[in-house]
Amino acid sequence: MQYDVKVLNAQARPTAVVPAMTTWDRFPALWPELSGEVWACLRAGGITGGCRNVMLYRDSGGVALSVEVGVELTADCPLTGRVVASALPAGRAAVTVHRGSYAELGAAHAAVAEWCAAHGERAAGVRWEVYGPNEPVPWVEVAWLVE
């Protein structure tokens, strides 16, 4: 897939998330659990849809990985348990959109990294994904803060 990468001034977007420390090896099994906690909290607060899923990676992911898994929060909702208010960060961000299989999402991250290297942009280590509707074709916004 061809990726169109642009630098944008990202605005902070409120989220409801469960933060966690994990590893890349453990993350594929962990994120559905964290996402499920967030959606259970939202449903208990009367929200059943309209919030896009998000994953925020707070560091470059050495041995330990600091993540936040949840949703863009579009309405007020009481947050309970491990679910807390957070935000996708504001700032200069290199952004692209992946369309298609989630199994190939890594290619979008690689495209952003390659674009940054080719254009003299230095990745700040914080990156995120915002998941769009699955129909007719799944899409994911991939963004990396740049310095």
Protein backbone atom coordinates (compact mmCIF):
# COMPACT_ATOMS: atom_id res chain seq x y z
CA MET A 1 0.00 0.00 0.00
CA GLN A 2 1.16 3.54 -0.77
CA TYR A 3 1.08 5.89 2.23
CA ASP A 4 0.64 9.65 2.04
CA VAL A 5 2.40 11.10 5.10
CA LYS A 6 1.84 14.72 6.14
CA VAL A 7 2.93 16.82 9.10
CA LEU A 8 -0.07 18.32 10.88
CA ASN A 9 -0.59 20.35 14.02
CA ALA A 10 -2.52 17.75 15.99
CA GLN A 11 -5.03 18.95 18.53
CA ALA A 12 -5.40 17.17 21.87
CA ARG A 13 -8.38 14.81 21.82
CA PRO A 14 -9.96 13.61 25.07
CA THR A 15 -9.86 9.88 25.68
CA ALA A 16 -11.04 7.31 28.21
CA VAL A 17 -8.31 4.69 28.60
CA VAL A 18 -6.72 2.02 30.70
CA PRO A 19 -2.98 2.76 30.95
CA ALA A 20 -0.59 -0.17 31.23
CA MET A 21 3.04 -1.17 31.21
CA THR A 22 3.65 -4.21 29.04
CA THR A 23 5.97 -5.63 26.40
CA TRP A 24 5.47 -5.97 22.65
CA ASP A 25 5.24 -9.75 23.13
CA ARG A 26 2.43 -9.45 25.69
CA PHE A 27 0.59 -6.52 24.08
CA PRO A 28 -1.43 -8.52 21.46
CA ALA A 29 -3.09 -10.51 24.25
CA LEU A 30 -3.46 -7.52 26.59
CA TRP A 31 -5.09 -4.85 24.42
CA PRO A 32 -8.45 -6.67 23.95
CA GLU A 33 -8.75 -6.98 27.74
CA LEU A 34 -8.03 -3.27 28.26
CA SER A 35 -10.39 -2.23 25.46
CA GLY A 36 -13.10 -4.44 26.96
CA GLU A 37 -12.72 -2.69 30.34
CA VAL A 38 -13.14 0.71 28.71
CA TRP A 39 -16.22 -0.34 26.73
CA ALA A 40 -17.81 -1.95 29.82
CA CYS A 41 -17.30 1.35 31.68
CA LEU A 42 -18.81 3.35 28.82
CA ARG A 43 -21.82 1.03 28.48
CA ALA A 44 -22.42 1.32 32.24
CA GLY A 45 -22.44 5.11 31.73
CA GLY A 46 -24.96 4.89 28.89
CA ILE A 47 -22.57 5.17 25.92
CA THR A 48 -22.94 2.32 23.44
CA GLY A 49 -21.15 3.68 20.37
CA GLY A 50 -19.78 6.68 18.55
CA CYS A 51 -16.34 6.54 20.18
CA ARG A 52 -13.39 5.53 18.02
CA ASN A 53 -10.92 3.05 19.53
CA VAL A 54 -7.42 4.40 20.23
CA MET A 55 -4.03 3.09 21.21
CA LEU A 56 -1.43 5.54 22.50
CA TYR A 57 2.19 4.44 22.81
CA ARG A 58 3.91 6.78 25.26
CA ASP A 59 7.47 5.70 24.48
CA SER A 60 9.45 4.06 21.72
CA GLY A 61 8.93 0.65 23.26
CA GLY A 62 12.24 -0.69 24.47
CA VAL A 63 11.96 -3.61 26.89
CA ALA A 64 8.94 -2.08 28.65
CA LEU A 65 6.14 -0.40 26.74
CA SER A 66 3.89 2.31 28.22
CA VAL A 67 0.50 2.22 26.50
CA GLU A 68 -3.01 3.60 26.83
CA VAL A 69 -5.84 1.60 25.26
CA GLY A 70 -9.33 3.05 25.01
CA VAL A 71 -11.53 5.39 23.01
CA GLU A 72 -11.87 8.98 21.91
CA LEU A 73 -14.36 10.32 24.44
CA THR A 74 -17.12 12.24 22.66
CA ALA A 75 -19.48 12.72 25.63
CA ASP A 76 -19.23 12.99 29.39
CA CYS A 77 -19.26 9.65 31.14
CA PRO A 78 -18.41 8.60 34.70
CA LEU A 79 -15.16 6.66 34.57
CA THR A 80 -14.74 3.76 36.97
CA GLY A 81 -12.23 1.08 37.85
CA ARG A 82 -8.96 1.38 35.97
CA VAL A 83 -10.53 3.59 33.27
CA VAL A 84 -9.18 7.14 33.45
CA ALA A 85 -9.43 10.36 31.45
CA SER A 86 -6.47 11.11 29.21
CA ALA A 87 -5.90 12.67 25.78
CA LEU A 88 -4.20 12.06 22.50
CA PRO A 89 -1.38 14.60 22.49
CA ALA A 90 -1.28 17.96 20.77
CA GLY A 91 1.69 19.01 18.68
CA ARG A 92 3.41 18.52 15.36
CA ALA A 93 2.69 15.02 14.14
CA ALA A 94 3.55 13.00 11.05
CA VAL A 95 0.26 11.35 10.08
CA THR A 96 -0.91 8.78 7.56
CA VAL A 97 -3.95 6.54 7.10
CA HIS A 98 -3.80 2.76 6.76
CA ARG A 99 -6.66 1.14 4.86
CA GLY A 100 -7.20 -2.60 4.96
CA SER A 101 -6.14 -5.48 7.16
CA TYR A 102 -5.02 -4.69 10.69
CA ALA A 103 -2.40 -7.42 10.25
CA GLU A 104 -0.58 -5.04 7.88
CA LEU A 105 -0.79 -1.96 10.14
CA GLY A 106 2.93 -2.14 10.86
CA ALA A 107 3.56 -1.02 7.27
CA ALA A 108 1.92 2.34 8.06
CA HIS A 109 4.22 2.86 11.05
CA ALA A 110 7.21 1.90 8.90
CA ALA A 111 6.09 4.39 6.24
CA VAL A 112 5.90 7.20 8.81
CA ALA A 113 9.35 6.31 10.17
CA GLU A 114 10.82 6.23 6.66
CA TRP A 115 9.14 9.52 5.75
CA CYS A 116 10.49 11.19 8.90
CA ALA A 117 14.03 9.99 8.11
CA ALA A 118 13.77 11.17 4.49
CA HIS A 119 12.42 14.62 5.48
CA GLY A 120 14.67 15.40 8.44
CA GLU A 121 11.91 15.00 11.03
CA ARG A 122 12.86 13.51 14.39
CA ALA A 123 10.28 11.23 16.00
CA ALA A 124 9.57 12.19 19.62
CA GLY A 125 8.78 8.59 20.63
CA VAL A 126 5.05 9.14 21.24
CA ARG A 127 2.71 7.69 18.65
CA TRP A 128 -0.91 6.65 18.39
CA GLU A 129 -3.54 4.90 16.33
CA VAL A 130 -7.19 5.93 15.92
CA TYR A 131 -9.40 3.19 14.49
CA GLY A 132 -12.17 4.17 12.08
CA PRO A 133 -15.30 2.20 11.25
CA ASN A 134 -14.72 -1.27 9.79
CA GLU A 135 -17.07 -0.79 6.85
CA PRO A 136 -16.65 -0.93 3.97
CA VAL A 137 -12.86 -1.16 4.52
CA PRO A 138 -11.18 -0.81 7.94
CA TRP A 139 -8.97 2.25 8.31
CA VAL A 140 -6.59 3.48 10.99
CA GLU A 141 -5.05 6.92 11.45
CA VAL A 142 -1.39 6.50 12.44
CA ALA A 143 0.35 9.51 13.98
CA TRP A 144 3.82 10.12 15.40
CA LEU A 145 4.77 13.24 17.33
CA VAL A 146 7.80 14.90 15.76
CA GLU A 147 10.26 17.38 17.26
